[in-house]
């Protein structure tokens, strides 16, 4: 599973904490995953061969786990771009409004991420950057190998979630 690769990357990079609170020590309460979502991340992550903790950390940074959040065309806890992925949403038998349902939102996000892993292999950085719509950061990474703050934060939190879940 990609989890081992994720842990190795985080350890190699020695990713810096993302906040003053984090610098003092990780406080799970600051990043708490709503109990009702944990099983969705686990189920769909395992099904798609994606580390559930990576999904959790993406959701945290994209929406802070707020299910009815929207930002332009991006909706739900995983911030699915409903214009870009409208055909994908329909192929699952869902409507755009279904993307406010956390379970369906996570399921679609896993499908998107699976396609990105097919495209980029096990390169978590490119997958995360593409998922987050960070085109300039993708170009910079390919050119310089420099990891963006966005990807670093997601990988750092994913590692913390793995430790919290005793993985």
Foldseek 3Di string as FASTA:
>chain_A
DLVVVLVVVCVVVVQDADDPVVVVPDDCVVLPDPPVCQVLLVVLCVVLVHQSLLLSLLLCVVPVQQLADADVQFHGSNGDRCVVCVVVCVVVVHHPVCCSPSNSVSNSLSVLLSVVCVVVPSPQQSSQCVSVVNVVQNVVCVVPVDGDPSSSNSSVSSVVVCVVVVD
